[in-house]
Structures are given as structure tokens and as C-alpha cells.
């Protein structure tokens, strides 16, 4: 049984790639974290790594000024490695069991108002690029899509008749999502002209100017472009549309379980960040409209 760190990390990498089938981005982040972890320890023997040495490593990340969320992610990566090694009986003890990391502070996500969403989606469809951009923005907001989920969509991912979208989320788990009428109309207009630029045998729903699958970066740039064009004062990124959709759904329904399922969150605590946003909204409405919210004296 090998105790060489490089060999064991390679086994773990194969495990998350082939057995767990994590996304390319997740595997890339794991690889970065584990390379940094490996470089920190001047040993080739996994048995030489203890809880104390791991805690020192976590503390060193904190001293470097990394934010708690980043440190928590790196700790989670290391824990996943050692959990795997224990599960496969490649090591006898797990040094991560009592490992501590700085407390993460929940960051309230940026949320656009419904009025600003309407302004952003009000795109004049006078060019092929504008038709595509409107379809992308409408669909991302309509179905609370992650950026990677949007770029990975194929023409076969959307069922226009049933008004459903089949999305491959984290861990390659499929979700079936409803598509609103506005998004459906915009996507149908795009599909009608998509053939004008599509490359041979390209399955992607959304294409770049060369007829190939659009990249994450391109969508980010187009969102920035349209926000500026519409004079919307937001530091925009694709996740803002997802946050906005989730918040608006929660404000209207109050059903956090349904929103959890819709977003594809495995843990409801991930969804609960939106209850903070929802409370802020309720407080604003209360202060503005309740007859006894403010003293008249």
C-alpha cells in the first residue's frame, strides 16, 4: 500500500473525475487546492501529516489574508481527500476530524429589482447577437441558471412544447426546470436564426460568432455590455440573475423548500441566504407602509 502523497492525490483525482464525475471547474479547483497543500508539506509520506500540521497550514492561509470562504473551501478539499483515503483504507487515521477553520460570514447576494430586470431584458432584437443575448438573459433569469449550466445547454436541452429545460448541474445531476413565457419566446426567436451561423454538428444552444458553443467569459462580457447600455448601476455577473430569480420567487411564494429544489441546492442552509434578502425586503415594505412604523411625534 503506497503512502506517497503524489500517488494518493492521483488516486483521489481519478476518483472525483471518473467515479464522482465532478465538473471540470470543480476538478480544477480541487487540483489547485491540493497542489498548494502538497507544496506546503516538505514530505512525501502521507503519514507524516498530522492534525497539528494541518491546523498550522490552515492558520498560515489566514495569515496570508485569504478570506474565510476561500480557506473553508481549501479545508473542505483537504478533508475530502483524507475522507476518500480512509474510505478506501489507504490510510488508518483521518487527521482532518478535529480541524478548525475561520468562521465564514454569509454574504448577502446582489439582487436586482423586478423593474431593473425588466429594463435589462428590454433588448431591441435588431441583430443576431442581440436576439441571442436577449434569449440568454431571459433564460438565465427565468430558470435561475448558473453560468456553467447556461453555456453547457444543447439544442436538445429545451422542450419547447412542454416548456421545460433539462439542466445538468453540479455533480452532473439533471434538473427539470420550468421556462417562463418571456424566456420561451426569446429562445424560440433565437432558434429560428441559429442555423445562420451554426458550425457543422455543433449541438450547443447558444453560439459565438464562429458558430461554436459560447464561452462563460463571453456571457459575462455581454451582461456587462447590456447593463452599461441600459444605465443600470450594478456590478453585474451571471450569478446576479440567479440570485434575483431566487429572491423574487421567495418573496412571492415564501416556500423555501420549493426554491431549494428549483435552485438545485442539496443543503437547505445554502438556500437560507435568500431569507436574509427576503427579510430586508419585508422590512423596507413595512417601514414604508405600516401606519405605526414611524413615530409621528
C-alpha atoms as a PDB file:
ATOM      1  CA  UNK A   1       0.000   0.000   0.000  1.00  0.00           C
ATOM      2  CA  UNK A   2       1.588   3.260  -1.152  1.00  0.00           C
ATOM      3  CA  UNK A   3       1.856   6.169   1.285  1.00  0.00           C
ATOM      4  CA  UNK A   4       3.343   8.574  -1.267  1.00  0.00           C
ATOM      5  CA  UNK A   5       1.350  11.838  -1.320  1.00  0.00           C
ATOM      6  CA  UNK A   6       1.611  12.250  -5.107  1.00  0.00           C
ATOM      7  CA  UNK A   7       0.298   8.736  -5.754  1.00  0.00           C
ATOM      8  CA  UNK A   8      -2.595   9.135  -3.307  1.00  0.00           C
ATOM      9  CA  UNK A   9      -3.616  12.531  -4.688  1.00  0.00           C
ATOM     10  CA  UNK A  10      -3.609  10.993  -8.190  1.00  0.00           C
ATOM     11  CA  UNK A  11      -5.966   8.239  -6.936  1.00  0.00           C
ATOM     12  CA  UNK A  12      -8.252  10.900  -5.455  1.00  0.00           C
ATOM     13  CA  UNK A  13      -8.175  12.902  -8.697  1.00  0.00           C
ATOM     14  CA  UNK A  14      -9.243   9.808 -10.671  1.00  0.00           C
ATOM     15  CA  UNK A  15     -11.992   9.184  -8.116  1.00  0.00           C
ATOM     16  CA  UNK A  16     -13.608  12.630  -8.435  1.00  0.00           C
ATOM     17  CA  UNK A  17     -13.174  12.617 -12.209  1.00  0.00           C
ATOM     18  CA  UNK A  18     -14.371   9.135 -13.162  1.00  0.00           C
ATOM     19  CA  UNK A  19     -16.396   7.843 -10.223  1.00  0.00           C
ATOM     20  CA  UNK A  20     -17.967  11.041  -8.840  1.00  0.00           C
ATOM     21  CA  UNK A  21     -17.922  12.749 -12.266  1.00  0.00           C
ATOM     22  CA  UNK A  22     -17.423  16.242 -10.890  1.00  0.00           C
ATOM     23  CA  UNK A  23     -17.471  19.165 -13.310  1.00  0.00           C
ATOM     24  CA  UNK A  24     -14.261  20.339 -14.985  1.00  0.00           C
ATOM     25  CA  UNK A  25     -14.320  23.552 -12.944  1.00  0.00           C
ATOM     26  CA  UNK A  26     -14.702  21.686  -9.633  1.00  0.00           C
ATOM     27  CA  UNK A  27     -11.855  19.307 -10.537  1.00  0.00           C
ATOM     28  CA  UNK A  28      -9.685  22.283 -11.495  1.00  0.00           C
ATOM     29  CA  UNK A  29     -10.341  23.974  -8.113  1.00  0.00           C
ATOM     30  CA  UNK A  30      -9.585  20.733  -6.256  1.00  0.00           C
ATOM     31  CA  UNK A  31      -6.328  20.372  -8.201  1.00  0.00           C
ATOM     32  CA  UNK A  32      -5.238  23.935  -7.358  1.00  0.00           C
ATOM     33  CA  UNK A  33      -6.032  23.467  -3.663  1.00  0.00           C
ATOM     34  CA  UNK A  34      -4.245  20.115  -3.445  1.00  0.00           C
ATOM     35  CA  UNK A  35      -1.176  21.367  -5.324  1.00  0.00           C
ATOM     36  CA  UNK A  36      -0.873  24.223  -2.805  1.00  0.00           C
ATOM     37  CA  UNK A  37      -1.418  21.759   0.046  1.00  0.00           C
ATOM     38  CA  UNK A  38       1.246  19.377  -1.295  1.00  0.00           C
ATOM     39  CA  UNK A  39       3.796  22.151  -1.820  1.00  0.00           C
ATOM     40  CA  UNK A  40       3.370  23.280   1.782  1.00  0.00           C
ATOM     41  CA  UNK A  41       4.451  19.965   3.313  1.00  0.00           C
ATOM     42  CA  UNK A  42       8.094  19.056   2.850  1.00  0.00           C
ATOM     43  CA  UNK A  43       7.450  15.325   2.916  1.00  0.00           C
ATOM     44  CA  UNK A  44       6.403  12.586   0.529  1.00  0.00           C
ATOM     45  CA  UNK A  45       4.829  10.471   3.273  1.00  0.00           C
ATOM     46  CA  UNK A  46       1.114  10.995   3.970  1.00  0.00           C
ATOM     47  CA  UNK A  47       1.589   9.527   7.459  1.00  0.00           C
ATOM     48  CA  UNK A  48       3.806  12.488   8.390  1.00  0.00           C
ATOM     49  CA  UNK A  49       0.839  14.847   8.094  1.00  0.00           C
ATOM     50  CA  UNK A  50      -0.951  15.316  11.412  1.00  0.00           C
ATOM     51  CA  UNK A  51      -3.926  17.318  12.692  1.00  0.00           C
ATOM     52  CA  UNK A  52      -1.497  19.806  14.230  1.00  0.00           C
ATOM     53  CA  UNK A  53       0.456  20.311  10.992  1.00  0.00           C
ATOM     54  CA  UNK A  54      -2.781  20.680   9.031  1.00  0.00           C
ATOM     55  CA  UNK A  55      -4.066  23.227  11.554  1.00  0.00           C
ATOM     56  CA  UNK A  56      -0.814  25.171  11.167  1.00  0.00           C
ATOM     57  CA  UNK A  57      -1.348  25.130   7.399  1.00  0.00           C
ATOM     58  CA  UNK A  58      -4.930  26.450   7.736  1.00  0.00           C
ATOM     59  CA  UNK A  59      -3.675  29.170  10.103  1.00  0.00           C
ATOM     60  CA  UNK A  60      -0.969  30.148   7.598  1.00  0.00           C
ATOM     61  CA  UNK A  61      -3.649  30.696   4.935  1.00  0.00           C
ATOM     62  CA  UNK A  62      -5.448  33.006   7.329  1.00  0.00           C
ATOM     63  CA  UNK A  63      -2.237  34.963   7.947  1.00  0.00           C
ATOM     64  CA  UNK A  64      -1.799  35.342   4.178  1.00  0.00           C
ATOM     65  CA  UNK A  65      -5.049  37.300   4.165  1.00  0.00           C
ATOM     66  CA  UNK A  66      -7.246  34.790   2.346  1.00  0.00           C
ATOM     67  CA  UNK A  67     -10.922  35.324   3.076  1.00  0.00           C
ATOM     68  CA  UNK A  68     -12.734  32.770   5.276  1.00  0.00           C
ATOM     69  CA  UNK A  69     -14.752  31.374   2.356  1.00  0.00           C
ATOM     70  CA  UNK A  70     -11.589  30.555   0.389  1.00  0.00           C
ATOM     71  CA  UNK A  71      -9.942  28.973   3.437  1.00  0.00           C
ATOM     72  CA  UNK A  72     -13.101  26.956   4.141  1.00  0.00           C
ATOM     73  CA  UNK A  73     -13.070  25.698   0.556  1.00  0.00           C
ATOM     74  CA  UNK A  74      -9.416  24.649   0.791  1.00  0.00           C
ATOM     75  CA  UNK A  75     -10.103  22.898   4.114  1.00  0.00           C
ATOM     76  CA  UNK A  76     -13.071  21.121   2.526  1.00  0.00           C
ATOM     77  CA  UNK A  77     -10.853  19.928  -0.347  1.00  0.00           C
ATOM     78  CA  UNK A  78      -8.260  18.534   2.063  1.00  0.00           C
ATOM     79  CA  UNK A  79     -10.986  16.872   4.153  1.00  0.00           C
ATOM     80  CA  UNK A  80     -12.437  15.294   1.004  1.00  0.00           C
ATOM     81  CA  UNK A  81      -9.006  13.875   0.173  1.00  0.00           C
ATOM     82  CA  UNK A  82      -8.499  12.309   3.604  1.00  0.00           C
ATOM     83  CA  UNK A  83     -12.117  11.068   3.781  1.00  0.00           C
ATOM     84  CA  UNK A  84     -11.520   9.306   0.471  1.00  0.00           C
ATOM     85  CA  UNK A  85      -8.239   7.791   1.679  1.00  0.00           C
ATOM     86  CA  UNK A  86      -9.933   6.474   4.827  1.00  0.00           C
ATOM     87  CA  UNK A  87     -12.907   5.146   2.893  1.00  0.00           C
ATOM     88  CA  UNK A  88     -10.601   3.232   0.545  1.00  0.00           C
ATOM     89  CA  UNK A  89      -8.497   2.105   3.555  1.00  0.00           C
ATOM     90  CA  UNK A  90      -5.386   3.724   2.115  1.00  0.00           C
ATOM     91  CA  UNK A  91      -4.672   5.376   5.497  1.00  0.00           C
ATOM     92  CA  UNK A  92      -5.564   4.315   9.048  1.00  0.00           C
ATOM     93  CA  UNK A  93      -6.429   7.668  10.679  1.00  0.00           C
ATOM     94  CA  UNK A  94      -8.085  10.822   9.420  1.00  0.00           C
ATOM     95  CA  UNK A  95      -6.173  13.910  10.672  1.00  0.00           C
ATOM     96  CA  UNK A  96      -8.966  16.251   9.476  1.00  0.00           C
ATOM     97  CA  UNK A  97     -11.626  15.220  12.000  1.00  0.00           C
ATOM     98  CA  UNK A  98     -10.845  17.958  14.524  1.00  0.00           C
ATOM     99  CA  UNK A  99      -9.577  20.525  12.041  1.00  0.00           C
ATOM    100  CA  UNK A 100     -10.852  24.080  12.543  1.00  0.00           C
ATOM    101  CA  UNK A 101     -11.195  26.885  10.015  1.00  0.00           C
ATOM    102  CA  UNK A 102     -12.128  30.585  10.283  1.00  0.00           C
ATOM    103  CA  UNK A 103     -15.863  31.159  10.528  1.00  0.00           C
ATOM    104  CA  UNK A 104     -17.460  32.008   7.223  1.00  0.00           C
ATOM    105  CA  UNK A 105     -19.652  35.071   7.055  1.00  0.00           C
ATOM    106  CA  UNK A 106     -22.690  34.743   4.845  1.00  0.00           C
ATOM    107  CA  UNK A 107     -22.514  37.358   2.140  1.00  0.00           C
ATOM    108  CA  UNK A 108     -25.863  38.793   1.110  1.00  0.00           C
ATOM    109  CA  UNK A 109     -26.068  38.367  -2.672  1.00  0.00           C
ATOM    110  CA  UNK A 110     -26.688  41.257  -5.033  1.00  0.00           C
ATOM    111  CA  UNK A 111     -30.295  41.295  -6.183  1.00  0.00           C
ATOM    112  CA  UNK A 112     -31.794  43.352  -8.996  1.00  0.00           C
ATOM    113  CA  UNK A 113     -35.267  44.804  -8.623  1.00  0.00           C
ATOM    114  CA  UNK A 114     -38.037  43.451 -10.859  1.00  0.00           C
ATOM    115  CA  UNK A 115     -38.149  46.840 -12.570  1.00  0.00           C
ATOM    116  CA  UNK A 116     -34.427  46.690 -13.385  1.00  0.00           C
ATOM    117  CA  UNK A 117     -34.753  43.098 -14.609  1.00  0.00           C
ATOM    118  CA  UNK A 118     -37.478  44.296 -16.987  1.00  0.00           C
ATOM    119  CA  UNK A 119     -35.185  47.097 -18.184  1.00  0.00           C
ATOM    120  CA  UNK A 120     -32.285  44.676 -18.748  1.00  0.00           C
ATOM    121  CA  UNK A 121     -34.489  42.265 -20.704  1.00  0.00           C
ATOM    122  CA  UNK A 122     -35.921  45.045 -22.881  1.00  0.00           C
ATOM    123  CA  UNK A 123     -33.443  44.442 -25.700  1.00  0.00           C
ATOM    124  CA  UNK A 124     -34.244  45.519 -29.242  1.00  0.00           C
ATOM    125  CA  UNK A 125     -33.770  42.370 -31.326  1.00  0.00           C
ATOM    126  CA  UNK A 126     -32.299  44.063 -34.390  1.00  0.00           C
ATOM    127  CA  UNK A 127     -29.149  41.948 -34.738  1.00  0.00           C
ATOM    128  CA  UNK A 128     -28.379  38.249 -34.471  1.00  0.00           C
ATOM    129  CA  UNK A 129     -26.215  38.950 -31.417  1.00  0.00           C
ATOM    130  CA  UNK A 130     -28.987  40.934 -29.719  1.00  0.00           C
ATOM    131  CA  UNK A 131     -31.510  38.122 -30.297  1.00  0.00           C
ATOM    132  CA  UNK A 132     -29.076  35.637 -28.762  1.00  0.00           C
ATOM    133  CA  UNK A 133     -28.233  37.889 -25.805  1.00  0.00           C
ATOM    134  CA  UNK A 134     -31.893  38.500 -25.002  1.00  0.00           C
ATOM    135  CA  UNK A 135     -32.572  34.748 -25.075  1.00  0.00           C
ATOM    136  CA  UNK A 136     -29.614  34.075 -22.767  1.00  0.00           C
ATOM    137  CA  UNK A 137     -30.576  36.753 -20.236  1.00  0.00           C
ATOM    138  CA  UNK A 138     -34.264  35.823 -20.243  1.00  0.00           C
ATOM    139  CA  UNK A 139     -33.490  32.135 -19.778  1.00  0.00           C
ATOM    140  CA  UNK A 140     -30.901  32.672 -17.031  1.00  0.00           C
ATOM    141  CA  UNK A 141     -33.339  34.786 -15.035  1.00  0.00           C
ATOM    142  CA  UNK A 142     -36.364  32.610 -15.823  1.00  0.00           C
ATOM    143  CA  UNK A 143     -34.765  29.351 -14.658  1.00  0.00           C
ATOM    144  CA  UNK A 144     -32.113  30.663 -12.207  1.00  0.00           C
ATOM    145  CA  UNK A 145     -29.308  29.117 -14.232  1.00  0.00           C
ATOM    146  CA  UNK A 146     -25.687  29.042 -13.192  1.00  0.00           C
ATOM    147  CA  UNK A 147     -23.246  30.329 -15.805  1.00  0.00           C
ATOM    148  CA  UNK A 148     -21.795  26.869 -16.496  1.00  0.00           C
ATOM    149  CA  UNK A 149     -25.309  25.442 -16.819  1.00  0.00           C
ATOM    150  CA  UNK A 150     -26.150  28.069 -19.436  1.00  0.00           C
ATOM    151  CA  UNK A 151     -23.094  27.503 -21.603  1.00  0.00           C
ATOM    152  CA  UNK A 152     -23.499  23.715 -21.422  1.00  0.00           C
ATOM    153  CA  UNK A 153     -27.074  23.794 -22.752  1.00  0.00           C
ATOM    154  CA  UNK A 154     -27.672  21.965 -26.020  1.00  0.00           C
ATOM    155  CA  UNK A 155     -30.465  22.412 -28.513  1.00  0.00           C
ATOM    156  CA  UNK A 156     -31.920  19.182 -27.130  1.00  0.00           C
ATOM    157  CA  UNK A 157     -31.914  20.602 -23.576  1.00  0.00           C
ATOM    158  CA  UNK A 158     -35.088  22.593 -24.085  1.00  0.00           C
ATOM    159  CA  UNK A 159     -38.534  21.132 -24.736  1.00  0.00           C
ATOM    160  CA  UNK A 160     -40.497  23.983 -26.284  1.00  0.00           C
ATOM    161  CA  UNK A 161     -43.785  22.085 -26.241  1.00  0.00           C
ATOM    162  CA  UNK A 162     -43.619  21.135 -22.552  1.00  0.00           C
ATOM    163  CA  UNK A 163     -41.891  24.426 -21.623  1.00  0.00           C
ATOM    164  CA  UNK A 164     -39.201  22.533 -19.753  1.00  0.00           C
ATOM    165  CA  UNK A 165     -35.440  22.835 -19.544  1.00  0.00           C
ATOM    166  CA  UNK A 166     -33.164  19.893 -18.762  1.00  0.00           C
ATOM    167  CA  UNK A 167     -30.128  21.194 -16.906  1.00  0.00           C
ATOM    168  CA  UNK A 168     -27.007  19.316 -15.886  1.00  0.00           C
ATOM    169  CA  UNK A 169     -25.978  20.881 -12.599  1.00  0.00           C
ATOM    170  CA  UNK A 170     -23.257  20.173 -10.045  1.00  0.00           C
ATOM    171  CA  UNK A 171     -22.169  16.542  -9.879  1.00  0.00           C
ATOM    172  CA  UNK A 172     -23.774  16.014 -13.320  1.00  0.00           C
ATOM    173  CA  UNK A 173     -27.219  15.748 -11.701  1.00  0.00           C
ATOM    174  CA  UNK A 174     -30.069  16.541 -14.078  1.00  0.00           C
ATOM    175  CA  UNK A 175     -32.809  19.003 -13.077  1.00  0.00           C
ATOM    176  CA  UNK A 176     -36.035  19.687 -14.933  1.00  0.00           C
ATOM    177  CA  UNK A 177     -36.898  23.367 -14.778  1.00  0.00           C
ATOM    178  CA  UNK A 178     -39.914  25.348 -15.971  1.00  0.00           C
ATOM    179  CA  UNK A 179     -39.355  28.046 -18.587  1.00  0.00           C
ATOM    180  CA  UNK A 180     -41.410  31.240 -18.416  1.00  0.00           C
ATOM    181  CA  UNK A 181     -43.291  32.619 -21.419  1.00  0.00           C
ATOM    182  CA  UNK A 182     -40.936  35.581 -21.905  1.00  0.00           C
ATOM    183  CA  UNK A 183     -37.868  33.326 -21.936  1.00  0.00           C
ATOM    184  CA  UNK A 184     -39.606  30.783 -24.146  1.00  0.00           C
ATOM    185  CA  UNK A 185     -40.495  33.433 -26.725  1.00  0.00           C
ATOM    186  CA  UNK A 186     -36.927  34.825 -26.743  1.00  0.00           C
ATOM    187  CA  UNK A 187     -35.368  31.356 -27.109  1.00  0.00           C
ATOM    188  CA  UNK A 188     -37.732  30.445 -29.965  1.00  0.00           C
ATOM    189  CA  UNK A 189     -36.707  33.609 -31.847  1.00  0.00           C
ATOM    190  CA  UNK A 190     -33.044  32.675 -31.346  1.00  0.00           C
ATOM    191  CA  UNK A 191     -33.540  29.080 -32.511  1.00  0.00           C
ATOM    192  CA  UNK A 192     -35.155  30.333 -35.741  1.00  0.00           C
ATOM    193  CA  UNK A 193     -31.974  32.195 -36.728  1.00  0.00           C
ATOM    194  CA  UNK A 194     -29.401  29.955 -35.019  1.00  0.00           C
ATOM    195  CA  UNK A 195     -28.890  27.966 -38.238  1.00  0.00           C
ATOM    196  CA  UNK A 196     -27.460  31.069 -39.928  1.00  0.00           C
ATOM    197  CA  UNK A 197     -24.167  30.717 -38.035  1.00  0.00           C
ATOM    198  CA  UNK A 198     -24.043  27.219 -36.530  1.00  0.00           C
ATOM    199  CA  UNK A 199     -20.987  25.102 -37.320  1.00  0.00           C
ATOM    200  CA  UNK A 200     -21.460  21.567 -38.579  1.00  0.00           C
ATOM    201  CA  UNK A 201     -22.585  19.108 -35.880  1.00  0.00           C
ATOM    202  CA  UNK A 202     -22.456  21.773 -33.128  1.00  0.00           C
ATOM    203  CA  UNK A 203     -25.094  20.786 -30.511  1.00  0.00           C
ATOM    204  CA  UNK A 204     -24.836  23.921 -28.315  1.00  0.00           C
ATOM    205  CA  UNK A 205     -27.955  26.033 -27.866  1.00  0.00           C
ATOM    206  CA  UNK A 206     -26.072  29.317 -27.609  1.00  0.00           C
ATOM    207  CA  UNK A 207     -23.287  30.072 -30.074  1.00  0.00           C
ATOM    208  CA  UNK A 208     -20.493  32.574 -30.547  1.00  0.00           C
ATOM    209  CA  UNK A 209     -19.930  34.428 -33.831  1.00  0.00           C
ATOM    210  CA  UNK A 210     -17.976  31.444 -35.184  1.00  0.00           C
ATOM    211  CA  UNK A 211     -20.926  29.104 -34.709  1.00  0.00           C
ATOM    212  CA  UNK A 212     -19.340  27.267 -31.779  1.00  0.00           C
ATOM    213  CA  UNK A 213     -20.506  26.954 -28.159  1.00  0.00           C
ATOM    214  CA  UNK A 214     -20.417  30.303 -26.406  1.00  0.00           C
ATOM    215  CA  UNK A 215     -17.920  30.624 -23.532  1.00  0.00           C
ATOM    216  CA  UNK A 216     -18.514  31.652 -19.930  1.00  0.00           C
ATOM    217  CA  UNK A 217     -16.392  34.746 -20.470  1.00  0.00           C
ATOM    218  CA  UNK A 218     -18.437  35.861 -23.479  1.00  0.00           C
ATOM    219  CA  UNK A 219     -21.683  35.760 -21.499  1.00  0.00           C
ATOM    220  CA  UNK A 220     -20.064  37.715 -18.670  1.00  0.00           C
ATOM    221  CA  UNK A 221     -18.922  40.377 -21.132  1.00  0.00           C
ATOM    222  CA  UNK A 222     -22.346  40.621 -22.789  1.00  0.00           C
ATOM    223  CA  UNK A 223     -24.061  41.090 -19.419  1.00  0.00           C
ATOM    224  CA  UNK A 224     -21.677  43.930 -18.579  1.00  0.00           C
ATOM    225  CA  UNK A 225     -22.338  45.442 -22.016  1.00  0.00           C
ATOM    226  CA  UNK A 226     -26.134  45.412 -21.630  1.00  0.00           C
ATOM    227  CA  UNK A 227     -26.044  46.734 -18.073  1.00  0.00           C
ATOM    228  CA  UNK A 228     -23.978  49.698 -19.205  1.00  0.00           C
ATOM    229  CA  UNK A 229     -26.158  50.243 -22.268  1.00  0.00           C
ATOM    230  CA  UNK A 230     -29.280  50.260 -20.084  1.00  0.00           C
ATOM    231  CA  UNK A 231     -27.595  52.539 -17.489  1.00  0.00           C
ATOM    232  CA  UNK A 232     -28.176  50.004 -14.726  1.00  0.00           C
ATOM    233  CA  UNK A 233     -25.987  50.646 -11.705  1.00  0.00           C
ATOM    234  CA  UNK A 234     -24.936  47.088 -10.856  1.00  0.00           C
ATOM    235  CA  UNK A 235     -21.647  45.253 -10.597  1.00  0.00           C
ATOM    236  CA  UNK A 236     -23.190  42.601 -12.819  1.00  0.00           C
ATOM    237  CA  UNK A 237     -22.236  38.963 -13.117  1.00  0.00           C
ATOM    238  CA  UNK A 238     -24.266  35.940 -14.216  1.00  0.00           C
ATOM    239  CA  UNK A 239     -24.974  34.867 -10.633  1.00  0.00           C
ATOM    240  CA  UNK A 240     -26.846  38.140 -10.019  1.00  0.00           C
ATOM    241  CA  UNK A 241     -29.603  36.896 -12.347  1.00  0.00           C
ATOM    242  CA  UNK A 242     -29.771  33.601 -10.425  1.00  0.00           C
ATOM    243  CA  UNK A 243     -29.862  35.420  -7.078  1.00  0.00           C
ATOM    244  CA  UNK A 244     -32.539  37.790  -8.348  1.00  0.00           C
ATOM    245  CA  UNK A 245     -34.749  34.970  -9.629  1.00  0.00           C
ATOM    246  CA  UNK A 246     -34.441  33.060  -6.328  1.00  0.00           C
ATOM    247  CA  UNK A 247     -35.205  36.136  -4.241  1.00  0.00           C
ATOM    248  CA  UNK A 248     -38.222  37.154  -6.316  1.00  0.00           C
ATOM    249  CA  UNK A 249     -39.608  33.603  -6.102  1.00  0.00           C
ATOM    250  CA  UNK A 250     -39.132  33.534  -2.334  1.00  0.00           C
ATOM    251  CA  UNK A 251     -40.719  36.964  -1.910  1.00  0.00           C
ATOM    252  CA  UNK A 252     -43.783  35.833  -3.845  1.00  0.00           C
ATOM    253  CA  UNK A 253     -44.180  32.288  -2.535  1.00  0.00           C
ATOM    254  CA  UNK A 254     -42.441  32.115   0.837  1.00  0.00           C
ATOM    255  CA  UNK A 255     -41.760  28.441   0.026  1.00  0.00           C
ATOM    256  CA  UNK A 256     -38.072  27.905   0.758  1.00  0.00           C
ATOM    257  CA  UNK A 257     -38.285  24.142   0.065  1.00  0.00           C
ATOM    258  CA  UNK A 258     -39.585  24.738  -3.446  1.00  0.00           C
ATOM    259  CA  UNK A 259     -36.876  27.359  -4.075  1.00  0.00           C
ATOM    260  CA  UNK A 260     -34.240  24.911  -2.763  1.00  0.00           C
ATOM    261  CA  UNK A 261     -35.399  22.276  -5.249  1.00  0.00           C
ATOM    262  CA  UNK A 262     -35.590  24.836  -8.051  1.00  0.00           C
ATOM    263  CA  UNK A 263     -32.026  26.029  -7.456  1.00  0.00           C
ATOM    264  CA  UNK A 264     -30.648  22.502  -7.126  1.00  0.00           C
ATOM    265  CA  UNK A 265     -29.245  23.059  -3.618  1.00  0.00           C
ATOM    266  CA  UNK A 266     -28.524  19.815  -1.773  1.00  0.00           C
ATOM    267  CA  UNK A 267     -28.446  21.585   1.598  1.00  0.00           C
ATOM    268  CA  UNK A 268     -31.243  23.980   2.563  1.00  0.00           C
ATOM    269  CA  UNK A 269     -28.727  26.092   4.512  1.00  0.00           C
ATOM    270  CA  UNK A 270     -27.369  27.211   1.123  1.00  0.00           C
ATOM    271  CA  UNK A 271     -30.844  28.428   0.182  1.00  0.00           C
ATOM    272  CA  UNK A 272     -31.391  30.177   3.507  1.00  0.00           C
ATOM    273  CA  UNK A 273     -29.145  33.065   2.428  1.00  0.00           C
ATOM    274  CA  UNK A 274     -32.173  34.264   0.443  1.00  0.00           C
ATOM    275  CA  UNK A 275     -34.291  34.509   3.586  1.00  0.00           C
ATOM    276  CA  UNK A 276     -31.967  37.331   4.697  1.00  0.00           C
ATOM    277  CA  UNK A 277     -32.604  39.133   1.427  1.00  0.00           C
ATOM    278  CA  UNK A 278     -36.319  38.456   1.805  1.00  0.00           C
ATOM    279  CA  UNK A 279     -36.330  39.889   5.327  1.00  0.00           C
ATOM    280  CA  UNK A 280     -34.621  43.073   4.137  1.00  0.00           C
ATOM    281  CA  UNK A 281     -37.324  43.448   1.501  1.00  0.00           C
ATOM    282  CA  UNK A 282     -40.122  42.876   4.053  1.00  0.00           C
ATOM    283  CA  UNK A 283     -38.526  45.399   6.414  1.00  0.00           C
ATOM    284  CA  UNK A 284     -38.421  48.032   3.647  1.00  0.00           C
ATOM    285  CA  UNK A 285     -42.070  47.464   2.806  1.00  0.00           C
ATOM    286  CA  UNK A 286     -43.004  47.528   6.495  1.00  0.00           C
ATOM    287  CA  UNK A 287     -41.178  50.798   7.200  1.00  0.00           C
ATOM    288  CA  UNK A 288     -42.690  52.401   4.139  1.00  0.00           C
ATOM    289  CA  UNK A 289     -46.299  51.287   4.524  1.00  0.00           C
ATOM    290  CA  UNK A 290     -47.121  50.370   8.137  1.00  0.00           C
ATOM    291  CA  UNK A 291     -49.099  53.225   9.767  1.00  0.00           C
ATOM    292  CA  UNK A 292     -47.273  52.817  13.092  1.00  0.00           C
ATOM    293  CA  UNK A 293     -43.790  52.029  11.754  1.00  0.00           C
ATOM    294  CA  UNK A 294     -42.582  55.571  12.412  1.00  0.00           C
ATOM    295  CA  UNK A 295     -43.347  57.935  15.221  1.00  0.00           C
ATOM    296  CA  UNK A 296     -45.440  60.958  14.249  1.00  0.00           C
ATOM    297  CA  UNK A 297     -44.477  62.854  17.376  1.00  0.00           C
END
